[in-house]
Each structure stands twice: as C-alpha cells, then as structure tokens.
Amino acid sequence: MKDYLKKVKSILPFLVLAIFVSTFSSFSLRYILEYKLEIDIKLFSWEFLIPFIISIISAILIRKRFVVLQFKDKTKDNFFYIFLSWILIFGLLINSQMFFTKYFYRSIVINDISEIKFDHDISTYNIKRLYVDESLAKGDLETKVGGKNGDKLNMKIFFIAPIPKDSLLSQNNFKVWYSETKDTTVSYSLSNQKKEIAFKKFYKNTLNYFKNKDFSKVHNFEKLFKSDEKDSFDKLIGNQDKSVIILKPISKNSKDATSFFYWYFKILGIGLCTILFSLIFISYKEEEYKKKNDEFLSLINFLIPRKGNYFLPVIIDVNIGYYILLGCFGIDVFSPRTEDLVNFGALSSEKIANGEIWRLLTAMFIHGSLQHIVYNMIVLSIAGIFAKELFGDKNLIIIYFVSGFSSFFASLIFHNNYIGVGASGAIFGIIGALFGAGLIDGYRENKPIILITVGYLLFNVFFGFITNSDNVAHISGFLIGALISWIFIVFKR
C-alpha cells in the first residue's frame, strides 16, 4: 500500500494539473480569439485540432512522472500509461470546447424569420413558423476518396433553400437559408458503371426525401459556424461577404451546456479511476528521470538537423510542418477536400499548363490524409537512414528530389486531368536506390535488401490497383532512384 501511494503521489497531482492547465489554456485561447476578437476560425479546429495538439504537449510534459513504474517484463515501458493520460486529456478538451460552444453562444426562440437576430453570440434558434422556398433551392454534389487505403468513395449532396420573410422579396435579398446534407459511401473499386448506378440511386432517394419533406414541421436549428460544410454552402449561394445566416436542422433533444459540464467531470472521474486502478498492478521503483533513457527525446533528437544528418530531419520536419499548417487554416486533416489541396499547392495538370511549375515542388510536401503522411514519414525515416549511410547526405538530396520530380512528370504524362500530392514518388526513389545499389554489388550478397525493396514495390502496386494510389508515380520513382544509384556507384568506382 505504501508503494501504491508513492506511485499516486508521483503521478496524480501532475496529471490533474496538466488537465486543468490545458483546459484553461484552450478555453482562454478560444474566448479571446473567437468570442472577444471575433476571429473566424473553423469549428473543427476548436473542437478537435487544437485539443489534439494541446493534449499531446501536455502528455509529453508529464511523461517523466511515469518513470517510477517498474515492469516485470523488461521489454515493456510506461508508454501505455502516458497514452491513457493523453486520451483522457484529449477527451476532456474536446468536451470543454463543446461546452464553450453551448455556453457562450445563446439559444433564442422566435415566431418567424422577421424576428431573427444576427448577433455573433447566437448559435441555435427555435423558429415557431417557417416557410422554405423550395422553388429557389440550390444543390451540389461533392465526391471524395476516403477509407483506410483510399478504397471508399464518399458522395455528399448539399441542399440549400432560402427562408423568406414573405413572398415579395427578390432572391438577392435573402438573408436566412435552410441547409441540409445527405451522403452515402460506395467501394472505390467498383466499375465506373456500378458507381454510376449507385450515384443515380442515391440521387433519386435524396430527391424524393426533399420533395416529401414537410419543412414547416422543422423548428430547431443551429447556425453553421465556419467549416468546410459552410464554405460549400457559401459558394452555392454566392455568400462572398458571409453576411447571411445558414441554418441547419438539429434534434430537439440536442445537448445543452449543462450536459457537457456534467460529462466533463464524468470523463474526468472515470479516466482518473481507470489510471489509479491500473497502477495497482505495477511495481514501484525509486528512480530519477534520466534524459539518456527518454525515448521521446531520442525521437526529437532524430528530427533535429545536425552535421552529418541534415537532409532527412529537415525533409521530415517540412512535411509535418506543412500538414500542421493545413490544419491551422481549418483544412480537414483526416480527409482534405481536393479543392483545398489544390489551393495549397497540390499538383494539377490544369495549373501546370497555366505555368505554375512550382507545384512540382510544393506537391511533394502535401498529403491527402493523416494516415497518408504518417505512413509516408515512417517509411521515409526507415529507408532514409539506410540510404544516408550508403550514399551520404548530399546524394540523398539528389535521389529524393530527382525521383520526386520525375514521378510527378510521369504521372502528368500518363494521366488526364491529374491532381497529385505526397512524397511517395520521392520515397520510392530512395527505396529504388537501395535496390539498385544491392543489385550492382551482387544478388547473393544483398539478397535480403533486393527482395525487401522489390517486394515493397510489388505490394504497393498490387494495392494501387484496388485503391486510389498512383502506381505510375510509385514505379517511375523506384526506377529513377535505381538509375541514380547506379550512376553514383559507377562514377565512384
């Protein structure tokens, strides 16, 4: 029992402090920027991205408090407990931001649209009498490739119609709009004919849904805050100055601020009890924190450029930094829209034809999803370490960029209306360079590296036919990398 109290004393106060400091920090940041200064930042950033970043920072700062845990299995470490703490902090921050939205933004009841208020601090409306002019409705279709391996095709239909004060107003004077979306998902591997059939069925069902909908029975709405969804509706109605209110129907029983307040302490209590209970089964050891044993610091040191290891950390940092930048601008980091990727530098046949050659470079630092960049950076780290030892830092730069540029050129030639992102072509260039070096030095001596690199290529090509991966970029990058490695080795000899 004595050792258990020592574990609790070492961990619990700092964990609770981290929870409340991170909650206060995220709360204060939003209060100042959004509520007081009225800076329009996407709701996704407040309710997910910023809590995600702050919770990671908090978990990193308290990680050294878990050094007192002694595992019987020496191969295990305290990562599980740090991860549990991060999950707890992350969940609480998300909850607190949802509480913020409900608490600081008012809900009002009005008889009809003539009484609507455009105040910044109003988020939900209960409208007793409502007329939606369906004859002036607008719609749009958005398709997006998603899924773990780009194997899903998401189709979303946007519907928006004006809510007039009376029937005499012209279309340009509408200040309040009704909005709703319907979506479905099909397998990306379906033939074009089957995709077309799926879309027609989805479109027909959606059309019938809105034709049969009695809009007069909808009374509870929330105002759309800045988001990808609102941007799509703004574009549909030409709301360039963002002066209109776009309403979205919500359930009558949607949670209020009190519910989120109670849930904060429920999550806090359950989370702390779970961590405290799990500490019972781990031994205590009197040990001070040592930097040399800190795996996190080892990772950070790997990402810091230094003499003899400059290029690889820089290229990984730039890729990660660029992706974080997209999130800061409110882009959906899990599944960005194609339009957003193009706006931030993705490769596009149309843009290249208009002279925007710089996209050949910027596209190498943009990724199509969170799992895309995580996967690419892991592979780049592993392959890059071996390639740097074999070719040196300067030659690694040449392999990376020449392979990346060449793979994009190949994709532009083979594909019509091409839009591409990612460091995959450059990474496959590094893998191809390892293959080329192994082949030149002899198959028998380098059989493992040859089989691994070729196997990796074939594995990705196979799944490229199933998913949305660009096989042309992968294969061309691999071959160019192999060719460059042959040139390096021949000239060296």
Protein backbone atom coordinates (compact mmCIF):
# COMPACT_ATOMS: atom_id res chain seq x y z
CA MET A 1 0.00 0.00 0.00
CA LYS A 2 2.90 2.31 0.80
CA ASP A 3 4.39 1.84 -2.67
CA TYR A 4 0.99 2.41 -4.25
CA LEU A 5 0.66 5.79 -2.51
CA LYS A 6 4.14 6.70 -3.74
CA LYS A 7 3.06 5.95 -7.33
CA VAL A 8 -0.10 8.02 -6.88
CA LYS A 9 1.85 10.89 -5.31
CA SER A 10 4.35 10.88 -8.17
CA ILE A 11 1.76 10.82 -10.97
CA LEU A 12 -1.72 12.04 -9.92
CA PRO A 13 -1.01 15.70 -8.89
CA PHE A 14 0.88 16.42 -12.11
CA LEU A 15 -1.75 14.70 -14.26
CA VAL A 16 -4.58 16.70 -12.65
CA LEU A 17 -2.53 19.90 -13.02
CA ALA A 18 -1.92 19.15 -16.70
CA ILE A 19 -5.64 18.53 -17.23
CA PHE A 20 -6.79 21.82 -15.74
CA VAL A 21 -3.98 23.92 -17.23
CA SER A 22 -4.63 22.52 -20.73
CA THR A 23 -8.40 23.03 -20.30
CA PHE A 24 -7.90 26.61 -19.14
CA SER A 25 -5.42 27.31 -21.96
CA SER A 26 -7.67 26.06 -24.77
CA PHE A 27 -10.69 27.76 -23.20
CA SER A 28 -8.91 31.11 -22.83
CA LEU A 29 -7.47 30.96 -26.33
CA ARG A 30 -10.89 30.50 -27.89
CA TYR A 31 -12.52 33.07 -25.64
CA ILE A 32 -10.05 35.76 -26.70
CA LEU A 33 -9.73 34.93 -30.41
CA GLU A 34 -13.25 33.87 -31.33
CA TYR A 35 -15.59 35.37 -28.74
CA LYS A 36 -13.89 38.71 -28.00
CA LEU A 37 -11.91 39.45 -31.18
CA GLU A 38 -14.46 37.61 -33.38
CA ILE A 39 -11.73 35.97 -35.46
CA ASP A 40 -13.45 33.38 -37.64
CA ILE A 41 -11.70 30.03 -37.13
CA LYS A 42 -13.28 26.76 -38.23
CA LEU A 43 -15.18 24.88 -35.54
CA PHE A 44 -13.23 21.70 -36.39
CA SER A 45 -10.03 23.45 -35.28
CA TRP A 46 -11.51 24.41 -31.91
CA GLU A 47 -13.27 21.13 -31.19
CA PHE A 48 -10.62 18.73 -32.46
CA LEU A 49 -7.35 20.06 -33.86
CA ILE A 50 -6.39 22.44 -31.04
CA PRO A 51 -7.37 19.92 -28.29
CA PHE A 52 -5.33 17.30 -30.16
CA ILE A 53 -2.20 19.49 -30.19
CA ILE A 54 -2.54 20.77 -26.61
CA SER A 55 -3.20 17.25 -25.25
CA ILE A 56 -0.07 15.89 -26.96
CA ILE A 57 2.02 18.73 -25.49
CA SER A 58 0.55 18.03 -22.03
CA ALA A 59 1.26 14.29 -22.26
CA ILE A 60 4.84 14.99 -23.34
CA LEU A 61 5.41 17.35 -20.41
CA ILE A 62 4.18 14.87 -17.76
CA ARG A 63 5.77 11.73 -19.27
CA LYS A 64 8.75 11.82 -16.88
CA ARG A 65 6.42 11.35 -13.90
CA PHE A 66 5.76 7.74 -15.03
CA VAL A 67 9.41 6.72 -14.69
CA VAL A 68 8.63 5.27 -11.22
CA LEU A 69 6.68 2.37 -12.74
CA GLN A 70 8.58 -0.94 -12.68
CA PHE A 71 7.51 -3.62 -15.17
CA LYS A 72 8.32 -7.31 -14.68
CA ASP A 73 8.76 -7.67 -18.43
CA LYS A 74 11.82 -5.53 -19.18
CA THR A 75 10.73 -5.11 -22.82
CA LYS A 76 7.70 -3.09 -21.71
CA ASP A 77 7.75 0.58 -20.78
CA ASN A 78 5.33 3.20 -19.47
CA PHE A 79 4.00 4.24 -22.90
CA PHE A 80 0.60 2.68 -22.17
CA TYR A 81 0.09 4.92 -19.13
CA ILE A 82 1.23 8.02 -21.00
CA PHE A 83 -1.16 7.10 -23.81
CA LEU A 84 -4.04 6.67 -21.32
CA SER A 85 -3.26 10.10 -19.89
CA TRP A 86 -3.24 11.63 -23.37
CA ILE A 87 -6.60 10.05 -24.23
CA LEU A 88 -8.07 11.44 -21.00
CA ILE A 89 -6.75 14.97 -21.59
CA PHE A 90 -7.79 14.89 -25.26
CA GLY A 91 -11.33 13.77 -24.43
CA LEU A 92 -11.72 16.42 -21.74
CA LEU A 93 -10.51 19.19 -24.06
CA ILE A 94 -12.96 18.17 -26.78
CA ASN A 95 -15.78 18.12 -24.22
CA SER A 96 -14.77 21.52 -22.82
CA GLN A 97 -14.82 23.07 -26.30
CA MET A 98 -18.30 21.68 -26.95
CA PHE A 99 -19.33 23.18 -23.59
CA PHE A 100 -17.87 26.50 -24.75
CA THR A 101 -19.98 26.48 -27.91
CA LYS A 102 -23.17 25.78 -25.97
CA TYR A 103 -22.44 28.10 -23.04
CA PHE A 104 -21.15 31.25 -24.72
CA TYR A 105 -23.46 31.13 -27.72
CA ARG A 106 -27.10 31.80 -26.88
CA SER A 107 -30.23 29.98 -27.95
CA ILE A 108 -33.33 32.07 -28.74
CA VAL A 109 -36.98 31.42 -29.57
CA ILE A 110 -38.67 33.47 -32.32
CA ASN A 111 -42.06 33.38 -34.01
CA ASP A 112 -40.77 33.68 -37.59
CA ILE A 113 -37.81 34.85 -39.68
CA SER A 114 -38.78 38.52 -39.33
CA GLU A 115 -37.67 38.36 -35.68
CA ILE A 116 -34.32 36.68 -36.34
CA LYS A 117 -31.23 38.26 -34.81
CA PHE A 118 -27.81 38.31 -36.48
CA ASP A 119 -25.84 38.63 -33.22
CA HIS A 120 -22.46 36.88 -33.20
CA ASP A 121 -23.17 35.12 -29.90
CA ILE A 122 -26.33 33.28 -31.02
CA SER A 123 -25.86 29.66 -32.08
CA THR A 124 -29.28 27.99 -32.01
CA TYR A 125 -32.78 29.11 -32.96
CA ASN A 126 -36.26 27.76 -32.25
CA ILE A 127 -38.49 29.09 -35.02
CA LYS A 128 -42.22 28.53 -34.48
CA ARG A 129 -43.41 29.32 -38.01
CA LEU A 130 -41.23 28.56 -41.01
CA TYR A 131 -41.55 28.71 -44.79
CA VAL A 132 -38.79 27.31 -47.01
CA ASP A 133 -38.98 28.36 -50.68
CA GLU A 134 -38.12 25.05 -52.39
CA SER A 135 -38.57 26.61 -55.85
CA LEU A 136 -35.34 28.58 -55.32
CA ALA A 137 -33.38 25.70 -53.81
CA LYS A 138 -29.83 25.02 -54.94
CA GLY A 139 -27.85 21.82 -54.79
CA ASP A 140 -24.39 20.44 -55.38
CA LEU A 141 -22.58 17.11 -55.33
CA GLU A 142 -19.22 16.55 -53.67
CA THR A 143 -17.25 13.34 -54.08
CA LYS A 144 -14.21 12.46 -52.03
CA VAL A 145 -11.98 9.41 -51.84
CA GLY A 146 -11.63 8.09 -48.29
CA GLY A 147 -11.17 4.95 -46.27
CA LYS A 148 -8.03 3.45 -44.78
CA ASN A 149 -6.41 2.80 -48.16
CA GLY A 150 -8.40 5.14 -50.36
CA ASP A 151 -10.86 2.29 -51.01
CA LYS A 152 -14.08 4.24 -50.35
CA LEU A 153 -15.86 6.83 -52.48
CA ASN A 154 -17.91 9.26 -50.43
CA MET A 155 -20.77 11.08 -52.17
CA LYS A 156 -22.46 14.04 -50.48
CA ILE A 157 -25.34 16.14 -51.78
CA PHE A 158 -25.70 19.70 -50.48
CA PHE A 159 -29.22 21.19 -50.37
CA ILE A 160 -29.87 24.84 -49.57
CA ALA A 161 -33.02 26.93 -49.95
CA PRO A 162 -34.00 30.44 -48.82
CA ILE A 163 -36.22 31.13 -45.83
CA PRO A 164 -38.07 34.33 -46.88
CA LYS A 165 -39.86 36.78 -44.65
CA ASP A 166 -42.58 36.95 -47.29
CA SER A 167 -43.07 36.03 -50.95
CA LEU A 168 -42.38 39.54 -52.31
CA LEU A 169 -38.63 39.63 -51.67
CA SER A 170 -36.26 39.12 -54.60
CA GLN A 171 -33.71 36.29 -54.49
CA ASN A 172 -30.77 38.63 -53.85
CA ASN A 173 -32.27 39.85 -50.60
CA PHE A 174 -32.47 36.54 -48.75
CA LYS A 175 -30.54 36.70 -45.50
CA VAL A 176 -31.52 33.36 -43.97
CA TRP A 177 -31.12 29.95 -45.63
CA TYR A 178 -32.12 26.41 -44.78
CA SER A 179 -29.35 23.83 -45.35
CA GLU A 180 -29.08 20.07 -45.16
CA THR A 181 -26.77 17.35 -46.48
CA LYS A 182 -27.27 13.71 -47.43
CA ASP A 183 -24.36 11.33 -48.02
CA THR A 184 -23.51 7.76 -48.88
CA THR A 185 -20.37 5.66 -49.37
CA VAL A 186 -19.56 3.03 -52.01
CA SER A 187 -16.46 0.97 -52.73
CA TYR A 188 -13.94 2.82 -54.88
CA SER A 189 -13.01 -0.46 -56.60
CA LEU A 190 -16.44 -0.68 -58.26
CA SER A 191 -16.52 -0.26 -62.04
CA ASN A 192 -17.50 3.15 -63.39
CA GLN A 193 -20.82 1.67 -64.50
CA LYS A 194 -21.64 0.40 -60.99
CA LYS A 195 -20.55 3.72 -59.47
CA GLU A 196 -22.92 5.50 -61.88
CA ILE A 197 -25.78 3.18 -60.87
CA ALA A 198 -25.04 3.78 -57.17
CA PHE A 199 -25.00 7.54 -57.71
CA LYS A 200 -28.30 7.56 -59.62
CA LYS A 201 -29.96 5.55 -56.85
CA PHE A 202 -28.54 7.87 -54.18
CA TYR A 203 -29.59 10.97 -56.16
CA LYS A 204 -33.14 9.64 -56.68
CA ASN A 205 -33.57 8.79 -52.98
CA THR A 206 -32.25 12.21 -51.95
CA LEU A 207 -34.56 13.98 -54.42
CA ASN A 208 -37.57 12.08 -53.06
CA TYR A 209 -36.52 12.86 -49.50
CA PHE A 210 -36.57 16.63 -50.08
CA LYS A 211 -39.73 16.52 -52.23
CA ASN A 212 -41.64 14.73 -49.48
CA LYS A 213 -40.17 16.70 -46.58
CA ASP A 214 -42.54 18.99 -44.68
CA PHE A 215 -40.25 21.90 -43.83
CA SER A 216 -42.96 23.63 -41.77
CA LYS A 217 -42.56 20.94 -39.10
CA VAL A 218 -38.86 21.72 -38.57
CA HIS A 219 -38.40 24.21 -35.73
CA ASN A 220 -34.97 23.69 -34.14
CA PHE A 221 -31.84 24.95 -35.91
CA GLU A 222 -28.20 25.65 -35.29
CA LYS A 223 -26.25 28.34 -37.10
CA LEU A 224 -23.40 26.97 -39.20
CA PHE A 225 -20.05 28.22 -37.97
CA LYS A 226 -17.01 28.42 -40.22
CA SER A 227 -16.36 24.94 -41.60
CA ASP A 228 -15.86 23.09 -44.87
CA GLU A 229 -19.60 22.47 -44.96
CA LYS A 230 -20.42 26.16 -44.56
CA ASP A 231 -17.84 27.07 -47.20
CA SER A 232 -19.62 24.75 -49.65
CA PHE A 233 -22.99 26.37 -48.92
CA ASP A 234 -21.50 29.88 -49.12
CA LYS A 235 -20.14 29.04 -52.56
CA LEU A 236 -23.53 27.69 -53.69
CA ILE A 237 -25.41 30.90 -52.84
CA GLY A 238 -22.58 33.33 -53.60
CA ASN A 239 -22.25 34.45 -49.99
CA GLN A 240 -18.92 36.18 -50.52
CA ASP A 241 -19.20 38.68 -47.66
CA LYS A 242 -20.53 36.00 -45.27
CA SER A 243 -23.44 38.30 -44.36
CA VAL A 244 -26.23 35.69 -44.42
CA ILE A 245 -27.15 33.12 -41.79
CA ILE A 246 -27.17 29.48 -42.84
CA LEU A 247 -29.28 27.29 -40.58
CA LYS A 248 -29.09 23.53 -40.17
CA PRO A 249 -31.86 21.46 -38.53
CA ILE A 250 -30.97 19.76 -35.25
CA SER A 251 -32.70 17.38 -32.88
CA LYS A 252 -34.97 18.88 -30.27
CA ASN A 253 -33.12 16.84 -27.66
CA SER A 254 -29.62 18.06 -28.55
CA LYS A 255 -27.32 18.50 -25.56
CA ASP A 256 -27.11 21.83 -23.76
CA ALA A 257 -24.14 23.36 -21.89
CA THR A 258 -25.14 21.70 -18.61
CA SER A 259 -24.90 18.24 -20.17
CA PHE A 260 -21.36 18.89 -21.39
CA PHE A 261 -20.42 20.35 -17.99
CA TYR A 262 -21.56 17.18 -16.21
CA TRP A 263 -19.89 14.98 -18.82
CA TYR A 264 -16.56 16.76 -18.25
CA PHE A 265 -16.47 15.59 -14.64
CA LYS A 266 -17.82 12.14 -15.56
CA ILE A 267 -14.99 11.67 -18.05
CA LEU A 268 -12.50 13.07 -15.54
CA GLY A 269 -13.67 10.73 -12.79
CA ILE A 270 -13.79 7.60 -14.96
CA GLY A 271 -10.42 8.38 -16.51
CA LEU A 272 -8.63 9.02 -13.22
CA CYS A 273 -10.18 5.95 -11.61
CA THR A 274 -9.05 3.80 -14.55
CA ILE A 275 -5.48 5.06 -14.30
CA LEU A 276 -5.39 4.76 -10.50
CA PHE A 277 -6.79 1.23 -10.63
CA SER A 278 -4.24 0.15 -13.25
CA LEU A 279 -1.39 1.41 -11.05
CA ILE A 280 -2.20 -1.34 -8.53
CA PHE A 281 -0.69 -3.99 -10.79
CA ILE A 282 2.63 -2.25 -11.49
CA SER A 283 5.56 -2.20 -9.06
CA TYR A 284 7.18 0.98 -7.79
CA LYS A 285 10.84 1.81 -8.21
CA GLU A 286 12.90 4.66 -6.78
CA GLU A 287 14.37 6.10 -9.94
CA GLU A 288 15.05 9.60 -11.14
CA TYR A 289 14.31 10.76 -14.65
CA LYS A 290 17.33 10.44 -16.99
CA LYS A 291 17.43 12.13 -20.35
CA LYS A 292 19.51 9.38 -21.95
CA ASN A 293 16.71 6.86 -21.29
CA ASP A 294 13.97 9.10 -22.67
CA GLU A 295 12.68 7.60 -25.93
CA PHE A 296 10.74 10.77 -26.70
CA LEU A 297 13.91 12.86 -26.56
CA SER A 298 15.59 10.34 -28.85
CA LEU A 299 12.80 10.89 -31.36
CA ILE A 300 13.10 14.67 -31.03
CA ASN A 301 16.87 14.47 -31.48
CA PHE A 302 16.33 12.46 -34.67
CA LEU A 303 14.17 15.28 -36.03
CA ILE A 304 16.80 17.95 -35.25
CA PRO A 305 19.21 18.61 -38.16
CA ARG A 306 22.88 18.34 -37.31
CA LYS A 307 26.17 17.88 -39.11
CA GLY A 308 26.24 14.57 -40.95
CA ASN A 309 22.47 14.16 -40.59
CA TYR A 310 20.94 17.27 -42.07
CA PHE A 311 18.67 16.47 -45.00
CA LEU A 312 16.49 13.67 -43.60
CA PRO A 313 15.35 15.56 -40.45
CA VAL A 314 14.71 18.72 -42.48
CA ILE A 315 12.58 16.97 -45.10
CA ILE A 316 10.52 15.15 -42.44
CA ASP A 317 10.06 18.37 -40.43
CA VAL A 318 8.92 20.30 -43.51
CA ASN A 319 6.41 17.58 -44.45
CA ILE A 320 4.97 17.53 -40.91
CA GLY A 321 5.03 21.34 -40.65
CA TYR A 322 3.21 21.76 -43.96
CA TYR A 323 0.49 19.36 -42.83
CA ILE A 324 0.07 21.14 -39.49
CA LEU A 325 -0.20 24.41 -41.43
CA LEU A 326 -3.14 22.99 -43.41
CA GLY A 327 -4.87 22.14 -40.14
CA CYS A 328 -4.25 25.65 -38.79
CA PHE A 329 -6.07 27.05 -41.82
CA GLY A 330 -9.06 24.86 -40.97
CA ILE A 331 -8.48 22.16 -43.56
CA ASP A 332 -9.88 18.74 -42.64
CA VAL A 333 -6.66 16.90 -41.69
CA PHE A 334 -8.30 13.47 -41.87
CA SER A 335 -9.70 13.79 -45.37
CA PRO A 336 -8.94 17.14 -47.04
CA ARG A 337 -11.04 18.25 -49.98
CA THR A 338 -9.35 18.13 -53.38
CA GLU A 339 -10.11 21.83 -53.83
CA ASP A 340 -8.27 22.68 -50.59
CA LEU A 341 -5.25 20.60 -51.58
CA VAL A 342 -5.02 22.38 -54.94
CA ASN A 343 -5.32 25.77 -53.24
CA PHE A 344 -2.36 24.91 -51.01
CA GLY A 345 -0.04 23.65 -53.75
CA ALA A 346 -1.12 20.20 -54.98
CA LEU A 347 0.00 19.17 -58.45
CA SER A 348 -2.67 19.83 -61.07
CA SER A 349 -2.49 19.27 -64.83
CA GLU A 350 -4.56 22.41 -65.40
CA LYS A 351 -2.40 24.57 -63.12
CA ILE A 352 0.86 23.25 -64.58
CA ALA A 353 -0.46 24.05 -68.08
CA ASN A 354 -1.03 27.61 -66.86
CA GLY A 355 2.65 27.88 -65.88
CA GLU A 356 2.52 27.05 -62.15
CA ILE A 357 5.63 24.84 -62.31
CA TRP A 358 6.35 25.47 -58.63
CA ARG A 359 3.65 22.91 -57.82
CA LEU A 360 6.10 20.14 -58.73
CA LEU A 361 7.91 21.08 -55.52
CA THR A 362 5.06 22.00 -53.16
CA ALA A 363 3.05 18.87 -54.04
CA MET A 364 5.84 16.76 -52.55
CA PHE A 365 5.10 18.25 -49.11
CA ILE A 366 1.29 17.95 -49.15
CA HIS A 367 -0.52 14.75 -48.17
CA GLY A 368 -4.06 13.56 -48.78
CA SER A 369 -4.89 12.37 -45.26
CA LEU A 370 -3.46 11.96 -41.77
CA GLN A 371 -2.70 8.27 -42.32
CA HIS A 372 -1.04 9.17 -45.64
CA ILE A 373 1.55 11.45 -44.04
CA VAL A 374 2.11 9.17 -41.00
CA TYR A 375 2.74 6.16 -43.24
CA ASN A 376 4.99 8.11 -45.62
CA MET A 377 7.09 9.63 -42.83
CA ILE A 378 7.64 6.25 -41.16
CA VAL A 379 8.80 4.70 -44.45
CA LEU A 380 10.91 7.76 -45.26
CA SER A 381 12.62 7.56 -41.84
CA ILE A 382 13.49 3.87 -42.19
CA ALA A 383 14.56 3.93 -45.84
CA GLY A 384 16.28 7.30 -45.44
CA ILE A 385 18.52 6.10 -42.60
CA PHE A 386 19.86 3.21 -44.71
CA ALA A 387 20.21 5.36 -47.84
CA LYS A 388 22.08 8.10 -45.97
CA GLU A 389 24.63 5.60 -44.68
CA LEU A 390 25.09 4.19 -48.19
CA PHE A 391 25.06 7.33 -50.35
CA GLY A 392 25.69 10.22 -47.96
CA ASP A 393 23.57 13.25 -47.15
CA LYS A 394 24.20 15.22 -50.36
CA ASN A 395 23.50 12.31 -52.70
CA LEU A 396 20.34 11.52 -50.73
CA ILE A 397 19.08 15.02 -51.57
CA ILE A 398 19.60 14.35 -55.28
CA ILE A 399 17.86 10.95 -55.13
CA TYR A 400 14.89 12.37 -53.24
CA PHE A 401 14.14 15.40 -55.40
CA VAL A 402 15.03 13.97 -58.81
CA SER A 403 12.86 10.91 -58.12
CA GLY A 404 10.04 13.10 -56.81
CA PHE A 405 10.08 15.46 -59.80
CA SER A 406 10.38 12.58 -62.28
CA SER A 407 7.47 10.66 -60.74
CA PHE A 408 5.22 13.72 -61.00
CA PHE A 409 6.26 14.29 -64.64
CA ALA A 410 5.42 10.66 -65.41
CA SER A 411 2.00 10.99 -63.77
CA LEU A 412 1.25 14.16 -65.72
CA ILE A 413 2.07 12.33 -68.96
CA PHE A 414 0.07 9.16 -68.22
CA HIS A 415 -3.00 10.75 -66.57
CA ASN A 416 -5.52 13.26 -67.87
CA ASN A 417 -6.75 15.99 -65.51
CA TYR A 418 -4.24 14.76 -62.94
CA ILE A 419 -4.21 16.00 -59.34
CA GLY A 420 -1.47 14.58 -57.15
CA VAL A 421 0.05 15.04 -53.70
CA GLY A 422 2.54 13.30 -51.48
CA ALA A 423 6.18 12.34 -51.11
CA SER A 424 5.55 8.77 -52.32
CA GLY A 425 7.41 9.16 -55.62
CA ALA A 426 10.46 10.56 -53.84
CA ILE A 427 10.31 7.86 -51.15
CA PHE A 428 10.06 5.14 -53.78
CA GLY A 429 13.12 6.75 -55.36
CA ILE A 430 15.07 6.14 -52.13
CA ILE A 431 13.80 2.54 -51.99
CA GLY A 432 14.72 2.09 -55.66
CA ALA A 433 18.20 3.44 -54.94
CA LEU A 434 18.67 0.80 -52.23
CA PHE A 435 17.54 -1.84 -54.73
CA GLY A 436 19.91 -0.55 -57.41
CA ALA A 437 22.88 -0.50 -55.05
CA GLY A 438 22.15 -4.03 -53.89
CA LEU A 439 21.82 -5.30 -57.45
CA ILE A 440 25.13 -3.81 -58.55
CA ASP A 441 27.03 -5.25 -55.58
CA GLY A 442 25.69 -8.75 -56.30
CA TYR A 443 22.43 -10.60 -55.76
CA ARG A 444 23.78 -13.26 -53.40
CA GLU A 445 25.45 -10.78 -51.07
CA ASN A 446 22.46 -8.43 -50.99
CA LYS A 447 19.56 -10.83 -51.42
CA PRO A 448 17.56 -9.53 -48.38
CA ILE A 449 17.64 -5.86 -49.43
CA ILE A 450 16.76 -6.73 -53.04
CA LEU A 451 13.83 -8.93 -52.04
CA ILE A 452 12.54 -6.41 -49.48
CA THR A 453 12.65 -3.43 -51.88
CA VAL A 454 11.12 -5.33 -54.81
CA GLY A 455 8.53 -6.90 -52.51
CA TYR A 456 7.60 -3.48 -51.16
CA LEU A 457 7.16 -2.13 -54.70
CA LEU A 458 5.03 -5.09 -55.82
CA PHE A 459 2.92 -4.92 -52.66
CA ASN A 460 2.13 -1.23 -53.26
CA VAL A 461 1.49 -1.75 -56.97
CA PHE A 462 -0.96 -4.54 -56.17
CA PHE A 463 -2.91 -2.39 -53.72
CA GLY A 464 -2.62 0.53 -56.13
CA PHE A 465 -4.96 -1.32 -58.48
CA ILE A 466 -7.50 -1.75 -55.67
CA THR A 467 -7.25 1.70 -54.11
CA ASN A 468 -6.66 5.22 -55.38
CA SER A 469 -2.83 5.06 -55.23
CA ASP A 470 -0.79 6.41 -58.15
CA ASN A 471 1.12 3.39 -59.46
CA VAL A 472 2.76 5.46 -62.21
CA ALA A 473 4.41 7.72 -59.60
CA HIS A 474 5.49 4.74 -57.47
CA ILE A 475 7.02 2.72 -60.30
CA SER A 476 8.69 5.69 -62.04
CA GLY A 477 10.11 6.95 -58.73
CA PHE A 478 11.50 3.49 -57.96
CA LEU A 479 13.15 3.12 -61.40
CA ILE A 480 14.63 6.64 -61.37
CA GLY A 481 16.04 6.03 -57.89
CA ALA A 482 17.64 2.77 -59.06
CA LEU A 483 19.13 4.53 -62.09
CA ILE A 484 20.59 7.34 -59.96
CA SER A 485 22.16 4.85 -57.55
CA TRP A 486 23.80 3.02 -60.46
CA ILE A 487 25.24 6.33 -61.69
CA PHE A 488 26.59 7.19 -58.23
CA ILE A 489 28.23 3.78 -57.79
CA VAL A 490 29.71 3.64 -61.31
CA PHE A 491 31.26 7.11 -61.00
CA LYS A 492 32.52 6.33 -57.50
CA ARG A 493 34.33 3.27 -58.81
